[in-house]
Amino acid sequence: MTKASKLELRPVFAAKYRGANRSRKTKILNEFCELAGYHRKYAITLLKQVERRPPRPRPPRERTYDDDVVQILVKIWEAAGYPWSVRLKALLPLWLPWAKLHLSITSRGQAQLLRMSPSTMDRALRRYRDTLLRRNYGRTKPGTLLKHHFKVRTDNWDIDEAGFGEIDLVAHCGNLAYGEFINSLNFSDIATTWTETRAVLGKGQRPVCAAIEIASALPFVLKGLDSDNGSEFINMHLLRYCKERGIQLTRGRPYKKNDSAHIEQKNWTHVRKLLGWQRYDTAGVLEAMNDLYRNELRWWMNYFQPTVKLLHKERIGSKVKRVYDAPKTPLDRVLELPKITKAAKAALLRDRKGLDPFVLAAQIDVKLRAIAALANTEVGPPVKPPASLRFNQLGPLSRRDSAERDQAQRGTTG
């Protein structure tokens, strides 16, 4: 008997079987097993099964958030530099007063934006996302001079006192590292995540040491610097500078990049993501980069961009669960410090109230385009930068554009 014939027999015998008495069930079962060739126990199971009705399709869930609200969210997300959804959720209350000046937001739309969870934001922004190419290459050479004078930091960065941070250089050398080119000196405070950046021409000891005037721009006293083992930091000039000012100077272990994980992350978000891998090697572009670092970019990152800090990690089986604190801007973390005077806190708050993050974003784009025009394209990556290096005006690149960009940038360094 074919399988189709067995399927046709089953409902006929099942109807008889369910309504029969004990003796009648035995006869029906014997007949069914003889015709279909089933084992007795399996046949009982088939005859007892009640055919279920197909489930009714669930009606589609009504949308909670309008298309207009999603579009406003997309514009704020783009203007903020495409932050992670948890950070985006944290920056909305800070950005919405300014967003009302640039976007048409109703009171209902504002309430929906503030009510939206990070997971919902991820789903709403999913089709707008684009995976950007990340390349983290360094040009640091080991420095042996006076290395024994710089203590190796072996403890964890679990401090809550501002003034202790990591420092590093980001090379803007393009495809080749010969000659002098500009480097971005990056400093990140561990307790507050406050970041300062300066551009220097070359990696000489004197210009690098002079760039550490970023200490004067910090809203707190610089107390400690932790660097890698490059010769631009392991030298007498920096050692003398730190001793005269009472700054603790330490270094990470050689070839252990995770010892400087905080500043390596800031090297991407504050420098490489904005300036790319082009070569910059002139005095004109040096002045333009420092103009950006000292003004709009500094305010935009420290006043309006929330950051998260890792609290602890716990291993669950083969996975590691990371627990972070609530997202806060570096300025908000500075305002929580008890050693900062009330006058200094009030001055910082006045500075932020007088700045529009959307205007800052537009000004950053203008300056980034001007800097990109000054790049040395003869030895830089053969890729044309977009109209907005933060991808804010044109939106995410298409898949084709991304593939062409990735192919063009293969083999680049810096």
Protein backbone atom coordinates (compact mmCIF):
# COMPACT_ATOMS: atom_id res chain seq x y z
CA MET A 1 0.00 0.00 0.00
CA THR A 2 1.32 3.41 -0.93
CA LYS A 3 1.87 6.20 1.55
CA ALA A 4 -0.94 8.26 0.03
CA SER A 5 -3.37 5.36 0.49
CA LYS A 6 -2.35 5.03 4.14
CA LEU A 7 -3.00 8.72 4.68
CA GLU A 8 -6.48 8.32 3.20
CA LEU A 9 -7.25 5.34 5.48
CA ARG A 10 -6.20 7.06 8.67
CA PRO A 11 -9.10 9.61 9.09
CA VAL A 12 -11.68 6.92 8.19
CA PHE A 13 -10.47 4.44 10.81
CA ALA A 14 -9.76 7.24 13.34
CA ALA A 15 -13.38 8.39 13.29
CA LYS A 16 -14.60 4.83 13.89
CA TYR A 17 -11.96 4.16 16.55
CA ARG A 18 -12.71 7.19 18.74
CA GLY A 19 -16.46 6.43 18.94
CA ALA A 20 -16.24 2.61 19.49
CA ASN A 21 -16.27 0.57 22.68
CA ARG A 22 -13.35 -1.57 23.87
CA SER A 23 -14.12 -4.74 21.90
CA ARG A 24 -14.97 -2.79 18.77
CA LYS A 25 -11.70 -0.81 19.03
CA THR A 26 -9.74 -4.09 18.98
CA LYS A 27 -11.36 -5.19 15.71
CA ILE A 28 -10.86 -1.76 14.10
CA LEU A 29 -7.21 -1.70 15.20
CA ASN A 30 -6.55 -5.22 13.82
CA GLU A 31 -8.11 -4.30 10.47
CA PHE A 32 -6.14 -1.05 10.26
CA CYS A 33 -2.84 -2.79 11.06
CA GLU A 34 -3.52 -5.50 8.47
CA LEU A 35 -4.30 -3.00 5.70
CA ALA A 36 -1.61 -0.40 6.43
CA GLY A 37 1.11 -2.70 7.77
CA TYR A 38 1.71 -0.56 10.87
CA HIS A 39 2.97 -1.80 14.23
CA ARG A 40 0.13 -2.05 16.73
CA LYS A 41 1.45 0.59 19.14
CA TYR A 42 2.18 3.04 16.33
CA ALA A 43 -1.29 2.48 14.87
CA ILE A 44 -2.88 3.28 18.26
CA THR A 45 -0.96 6.57 18.34
CA LEU A 46 -2.13 7.50 14.85
CA LEU A 47 -5.78 6.70 15.53
CA LYS A 48 -5.83 8.62 18.82
CA GLN A 49 -4.41 11.78 17.33
CA VAL A 50 -7.00 14.42 16.73
CA GLU A 51 -6.49 16.49 13.64
CA ARG A 52 -5.92 20.05 14.73
CA ARG A 53 -7.16 23.01 12.86
CA PRO A 54 -4.46 25.17 11.32
CA PRO A 55 -3.72 28.14 13.57
CA ARG A 56 -5.36 31.35 12.57
CA PRO A 57 -2.87 33.91 11.32
CA ARG A 58 -2.10 36.52 13.92
CA PRO A 59 -3.18 39.99 12.85
CA PRO A 60 -0.23 42.29 12.19
CA ARG A 61 0.85 44.32 15.18
CA GLU A 62 0.04 47.99 14.98
CA ARG A 63 3.07 50.23 14.60
CA THR A 64 3.95 52.17 17.70
CA TYR A 65 6.29 54.65 16.07
CA ASP A 66 5.43 56.65 12.96
CA ASP A 67 7.65 56.92 9.90
CA ASP A 68 8.21 60.59 10.67
CA VAL A 69 9.58 59.69 14.11
CA VAL A 70 11.92 57.10 12.61
CA GLN A 71 13.19 59.63 10.06
CA ILE A 72 13.88 62.14 12.82
CA LEU A 73 15.72 59.43 14.75
CA VAL A 74 17.80 58.67 11.64
CA LYS A 75 18.76 62.33 11.21
CA ILE A 76 19.80 62.68 14.86
CA TRP A 77 21.70 59.38 14.59
CA GLU A 78 23.56 60.63 11.50
CA ALA A 79 24.32 64.03 13.03
CA ALA A 80 25.69 62.33 16.16
CA GLY A 81 28.10 60.20 14.13
CA TYR A 82 26.16 56.91 14.13
CA PRO A 83 26.46 56.05 17.86
CA TRP A 84 25.54 52.72 19.41
CA SER A 85 21.84 52.50 20.31
CA VAL A 86 22.49 52.66 24.07
CA ARG A 87 24.52 55.85 23.60
CA LEU A 88 21.91 57.18 21.18
CA LYS A 89 19.22 56.66 23.82
CA ALA A 90 21.34 58.56 26.35
CA LEU A 91 22.08 61.54 24.10
CA LEU A 92 18.49 62.13 22.95
CA PRO A 93 17.42 64.26 25.97
CA LEU A 94 20.53 66.41 25.45
CA TRP A 95 20.11 66.78 21.69
CA LEU A 96 16.32 67.16 21.40
CA PRO A 97 16.16 70.87 22.42
CA TRP A 98 18.56 71.63 19.57
CA ALA A 99 16.87 69.16 17.21
CA LYS A 100 13.65 71.18 17.47
CA LEU A 101 15.49 74.12 15.88
CA HIS A 102 16.58 72.07 12.87
CA LEU A 103 13.82 69.47 12.49
CA SER A 104 10.04 69.65 12.67
CA ILE A 105 9.30 67.65 15.82
CA THR A 106 5.85 67.55 17.36
CA SER A 107 5.22 66.99 21.04
CA ARG A 108 3.89 63.52 20.20
CA GLY A 109 7.01 62.72 18.19
CA GLN A 110 9.25 63.93 21.01
CA ALA A 111 7.42 61.69 23.48
CA GLN A 112 7.81 58.71 21.14
CA LEU A 113 11.55 59.35 20.71
CA LEU A 114 12.13 59.51 24.45
CA ARG A 115 10.04 56.37 25.01
CA MET A 116 11.84 54.31 22.35
CA SER A 117 14.11 51.60 23.78
CA PRO A 118 17.64 50.87 22.44
CA SER A 119 16.43 47.55 20.98
CA THR A 120 13.64 49.31 19.09
CA MET A 121 16.17 51.85 17.81
CA ASP A 122 18.32 49.00 16.51
CA ARG A 123 15.37 47.55 14.61
CA ALA A 124 14.36 50.94 13.22
CA LEU A 125 17.90 51.77 12.10
CA ARG A 126 18.78 48.31 10.80
CA ARG A 127 18.24 49.12 7.13
CA TYR A 128 20.24 52.34 7.41
CA ARG A 129 23.34 50.74 8.84
CA ASP A 130 26.50 50.23 6.88
CA THR A 131 29.55 48.32 7.98
CA LEU A 132 32.54 50.63 7.78
CA LEU A 133 36.03 49.39 7.11
CA ARG A 134 38.18 49.36 10.19
CA ARG A 135 41.92 49.13 9.87
CA ASN A 136 44.11 49.57 12.92
CA TYR A 137 47.75 49.77 11.94
CA GLY A 138 50.50 51.41 13.92
CA ARG A 139 53.90 52.91 13.20
CA THR A 140 55.33 52.72 16.70
CA LYS A 141 58.94 51.61 17.00
CA PRO A 142 60.30 50.36 20.33
CA GLY A 143 62.28 52.90 22.30
CA THR A 144 65.10 51.61 24.50
CA LEU A 145 66.39 54.97 25.71
CA LEU A 146 65.79 55.42 29.45
CA LYS A 147 63.31 52.58 29.37
CA HIS A 148 64.13 51.52 32.90
CA HIS A 149 63.03 54.95 34.19
CA PHE A 150 59.45 54.29 33.06
CA LYS A 151 57.60 51.89 35.33
CA VAL A 152 55.52 49.19 33.73
CA ARG A 153 51.90 49.54 34.80
CA THR A 154 50.64 46.19 36.01
CA ASP A 155 47.47 47.21 37.87
CA ASN A 156 44.03 47.69 36.33
CA TRP A 157 42.47 51.04 35.50
CA ASP A 158 39.84 50.79 38.23
CA ILE A 159 40.44 54.32 39.54
CA ASP A 160 37.74 56.94 40.05
CA GLU A 161 40.08 59.95 40.26
CA ALA A 162 40.40 62.22 37.24
CA GLY A 163 43.81 63.10 35.81
CA PHE A 164 45.18 59.63 35.05
CA GLY A 165 45.01 58.72 31.38
CA GLU A 166 46.56 56.99 28.40
CA ILE A 167 48.38 58.66 25.52
CA ASP A 168 49.25 57.49 22.02
CA LEU A 169 50.10 58.64 18.50
CA VAL A 170 48.08 57.97 15.34
CA ALA A 171 50.14 58.15 12.15
CA HIS A 172 48.82 59.91 9.04
CA CYS A 173 51.43 58.50 6.66
CA GLY A 174 49.30 57.05 3.87
CA ASN A 175 50.82 54.05 2.13
CA LEU A 176 54.43 54.85 2.97
CA ALA A 177 56.13 55.86 6.20
CA TYR A 178 59.16 57.70 4.80
CA GLY A 179 59.89 61.34 5.58
CA GLU A 180 58.02 63.52 8.02
CA PHE A 181 54.27 63.27 8.27
CA ILE A 182 51.65 64.40 10.74
CA ASN A 183 50.72 62.36 13.79
CA SER A 184 47.71 62.90 16.03
CA LEU A 185 48.59 62.81 19.71
CA ASN A 186 45.60 61.44 21.59
CA PHE A 187 44.99 61.58 25.35
CA SER A 188 42.06 59.91 27.13
CA ASP A 189 41.29 60.25 30.82
CA ILE A 190 40.29 56.94 32.40
CA ALA A 191 37.84 58.17 35.06
CA THR A 192 35.90 60.70 32.97
CA THR A 193 36.65 59.48 29.37
CA TRP A 194 37.53 63.13 28.55
CA THR A 195 39.66 63.16 25.39
CA GLU A 196 42.04 65.75 23.98
CA THR A 197 43.84 65.51 20.63
CA ARG A 198 46.64 67.53 19.02
CA ALA A 199 48.44 67.20 15.69
CA VAL A 200 52.27 67.21 15.52
CA LEU A 201 54.57 67.12 12.50
CA GLY A 202 56.93 64.19 12.83
CA LYS A 203 57.59 62.08 15.90
CA GLY A 204 60.45 64.06 17.41
CA GLN A 205 60.78 64.18 21.13
CA ARG A 206 60.47 67.96 21.41
CA PRO A 207 57.28 68.44 19.31
CA VAL A 208 55.61 65.48 21.02
CA CYS A 209 56.50 66.87 24.42
CA ALA A 210 55.25 70.32 23.37
CA ALA A 211 51.92 68.80 22.28
CA ILE A 212 51.32 67.65 25.84
CA GLU A 213 50.19 71.21 26.49
CA ILE A 214 46.80 69.50 26.27
CA ALA A 215 47.13 69.43 30.07
CA SER A 216 46.19 73.12 30.08
CA ALA A 217 42.95 72.35 28.21
CA LEU A 218 41.79 69.70 30.68
CA PRO A 219 39.09 70.66 33.21
CA PHE A 220 41.14 68.90 35.90
CA VAL A 221 44.79 68.51 36.88
CA LEU A 222 46.89 66.03 34.86
CA LYS A 223 48.34 63.52 37.33
CA GLY A 224 49.46 60.50 35.31
CA LEU A 225 50.35 59.48 31.76
CA ASP A 226 50.53 55.92 30.51
CA SER A 227 52.07 55.34 27.08
CA ASP A 228 53.31 52.53 24.90
CA ASN A 229 57.01 51.75 24.40
CA GLY A 230 57.60 54.04 21.41
CA SER A 231 60.67 56.27 21.36
CA GLU A 232 58.44 59.32 20.99
CA PHE A 233 57.43 58.81 24.64
CA ILE A 234 60.39 56.94 26.14
CA ASN A 235 62.80 59.89 26.11
CA MET A 236 64.44 62.42 28.39
CA HIS A 237 62.28 65.36 27.33
CA LEU A 238 59.03 63.75 28.43
CA LEU A 239 60.65 62.34 31.56
CA ARG A 240 61.90 65.81 32.56
CA TYR A 241 58.55 67.41 31.70
CA CYS A 242 56.62 64.99 33.92
CA LYS A 243 59.08 65.21 36.82
CA GLU A 244 58.91 69.01 36.88
CA ARG A 245 55.11 68.92 37.05
CA GLY A 246 54.71 65.94 39.36
CA ILE A 247 53.06 63.76 36.71
CA GLN A 248 53.28 60.00 37.16
CA LEU A 249 54.74 58.40 34.03
CA THR A 250 54.18 54.72 33.26
CA ARG A 251 54.22 52.47 30.21
CA GLY A 252 52.50 49.28 29.09
CA ARG A 253 54.15 45.97 28.40
CA PRO A 254 55.86 45.58 25.02
CA TYR A 255 53.69 43.92 22.35
CA LYS A 256 50.66 43.92 24.69
CA LYS A 257 48.27 46.27 22.89
CA ASN A 258 45.44 45.55 25.28
CA ASP A 259 47.38 47.38 28.00
CA SER A 260 46.33 50.57 26.17
CA ALA A 261 42.83 49.47 25.24
CA HIS A 262 41.20 52.77 26.27
CA ILE A 263 43.31 54.98 24.05
CA GLU A 264 43.29 52.49 21.18
CA GLN A 265 39.51 52.80 21.11
CA LYS A 266 39.73 56.60 21.09
CA ASN A 267 42.29 56.43 18.28
CA TRP A 268 39.51 55.01 16.12
CA THR A 269 36.53 57.14 17.22
CA HIS A 270 38.35 60.49 17.53
CA VAL A 271 40.95 60.27 14.76
CA ARG A 272 40.95 57.41 12.28
CA LYS A 273 37.20 57.28 11.73
CA LEU A 274 37.25 60.99 10.82
CA LEU A 275 40.51 61.45 8.92
CA GLY A 276 40.88 58.01 7.34
CA TRP A 277 44.21 56.69 6.08
CA GLN A 278 45.30 59.57 3.86
CA ARG A 279 48.79 61.08 4.11
CA TYR A 280 49.09 64.54 5.65
CA ASP A 281 52.55 66.09 5.71
CA THR A 282 52.35 69.89 5.32
CA ALA A 283 52.29 72.81 7.72
CA GLY A 284 48.97 73.99 6.30
CA VAL A 285 47.12 70.78 7.10
CA LEU A 286 48.82 70.70 10.52
CA GLU A 287 47.25 74.06 11.35
CA ALA A 288 43.86 72.96 9.99
CA MET A 289 43.87 69.75 12.04
CA ASN A 290 44.77 71.55 15.25
CA ASP A 291 42.04 74.10 14.59
CA LEU A 292 39.57 71.21 14.43
CA TYR A 293 41.01 69.36 17.43
CA ARG A 294 41.06 72.44 19.71
CA ASN A 295 37.54 73.62 18.91
CA GLU A 296 34.53 71.91 17.31
CA LEU A 297 35.65 68.29 17.61
CA ARG A 298 36.70 68.74 21.22
CA TRP A 299 33.34 70.29 22.18
CA TRP A 300 31.30 67.82 20.13
CA MET A 301 32.96 64.74 21.63
CA ASN A 302 33.28 65.83 25.26
CA TYR A 303 30.04 67.81 25.64
CA PHE A 304 27.51 65.89 23.54
CA GLN A 305 28.71 62.30 23.01
CA PRO A 306 27.82 59.83 25.81
CA THR A 307 30.32 57.13 26.63
CA VAL A 308 30.07 53.89 28.60
CA LYS A 309 32.61 52.39 30.97
CA LEU A 310 33.16 48.70 31.64
CA LEU A 311 32.27 47.88 35.24
CA HIS A 312 33.19 44.21 35.34
CA LYS A 313 33.29 41.00 33.34
CA GLU A 314 31.97 37.60 34.35
CA ARG A 315 32.40 34.30 32.60
CA ILE A 316 29.26 32.22 31.99
CA GLY A 317 30.30 28.90 30.53
CA SER A 318 32.25 29.62 27.36
CA LYS A 319 31.00 33.21 27.09
CA VAL A 320 32.11 36.41 28.79
CA LYS A 321 29.41 38.83 29.92
CA ARG A 322 30.43 42.48 30.10
CA VAL A 323 28.51 44.87 32.33
CA TYR A 324 28.71 48.61 31.58
CA ASP A 325 27.60 51.66 33.49
CA ALA A 326 24.92 54.09 32.31
CA PRO A 327 25.97 56.19 29.30
CA LYS A 328 27.12 59.70 30.24
CA THR A 329 28.97 62.43 28.40
CA PRO A 330 32.53 63.14 29.55
CA LEU A 331 31.32 66.54 30.75
CA ASP A 332 28.64 64.92 32.92
CA ARG A 333 31.30 62.65 34.43
CA VAL A 334 33.47 65.70 35.16
CA LEU A 335 30.52 67.44 36.85
CA GLU A 336 30.24 64.49 39.26
CA LEU A 337 33.81 64.96 40.52
CA PRO A 338 33.90 66.39 44.06
CA LYS A 339 37.27 68.11 43.56
CA ILE A 340 36.08 70.32 40.70
CA THR A 341 35.02 73.73 41.97
CA LYS A 342 31.47 74.97 41.51
CA ALA A 343 32.72 77.92 39.47
CA ALA A 344 34.53 75.60 37.05
CA LYS A 345 31.45 73.38 36.72
CA ALA A 346 29.22 76.38 36.07
CA ALA A 347 31.61 77.62 33.36
CA LEU A 348 31.56 74.23 31.63
CA LEU A 349 27.76 74.12 31.72
CA ARG A 350 27.58 77.63 30.23
CA ASP A 351 29.88 76.55 27.43
CA ARG A 352 27.66 73.57 26.59
CA LYS A 353 24.44 75.61 26.71
CA GLY A 354 25.87 77.99 24.15
CA LEU A 355 26.76 75.23 21.66
CA ASP A 356 24.43 73.61 19.14
CA PRO A 357 25.49 69.99 18.39
CA PHE A 358 23.92 70.09 14.93
CA VAL A 359 25.88 73.23 14.03
CA LEU A 360 29.04 71.66 15.44
CA ALA A 361 28.46 68.57 13.30
CA ALA A 362 28.09 70.70 10.16
CA GLN A 363 31.22 72.70 11.00
CA ILE A 364 33.18 69.50 11.60
CA ASP A 365 32.13 68.24 8.17
CA VAL A 366 33.26 71.47 6.50
CA LYS A 367 36.66 71.33 8.20
CA LEU A 368 37.10 67.64 7.45
CA ARG A 369 36.45 68.27 3.76
CA ALA A 370 39.02 71.08 3.82
CA ILE A 371 41.56 68.80 5.49
CA ALA A 372 40.88 66.01 2.98
CA ALA A 373 41.58 68.45 0.14
CA LEU A 374 45.08 69.01 1.57
CA ALA A 375 45.99 65.31 1.65
CA ASN A 376 49.05 64.08 -0.23
CA THR A 377 47.34 61.81 -2.76
CA GLU A 378 50.60 60.75 -4.44
CA VAL A 379 51.46 58.37 -1.59
CA GLY A 380 48.04 58.13 0.05
CA PRO A 381 45.32 55.54 -0.51
CA PRO A 382 43.91 55.84 -4.05
CA VAL A 383 40.38 56.42 -2.81
CA LYS A 384 38.32 59.57 -3.15
CA PRO A 385 36.91 60.67 0.21
CA PRO A 386 33.16 61.21 0.37
CA ALA A 387 31.67 64.67 0.59
CA SER A 388 31.37 64.21 4.33
CA LEU A 389 34.01 62.12 6.05
CA ARG A 390 31.64 61.44 8.95
CA PHE A 391 29.05 60.22 6.41
CA ASN A 392 26.50 62.65 7.89
CA GLN A 393 25.29 64.48 4.79
CA LEU A 394 25.11 61.66 2.26
CA GLY A 395 24.11 58.85 4.60
CA PRO A 396 25.73 55.38 4.67
CA LEU A 397 27.53 54.19 1.59
CA SER A 398 25.87 51.65 -0.65
CA ARG A 399 27.18 48.09 -0.81
CA ARG A 400 28.79 48.78 -4.16
CA ASP A 401 30.51 51.91 -2.87
CA SER A 402 31.70 50.02 0.21
CA ALA A 403 33.10 47.19 -1.90
CA GLU A 404 34.94 49.63 -4.19
CA ARG A 405 36.32 51.50 -1.19
CA ASP A 406 37.46 48.29 0.52
CA GLN A 407 39.18 47.12 -2.64
CA ALA A 408 40.92 50.46 -3.09
CA GLN A 409 42.20 50.54 0.49
CA ARG A 410 43.69 47.07 0.58
CA GLY A 411 47.33 47.25 1.46
CA THR A 412 47.19 50.68 3.08
CA THR A 413 48.99 51.40 6.34
CA GLY A 414 49.11 54.15 8.86
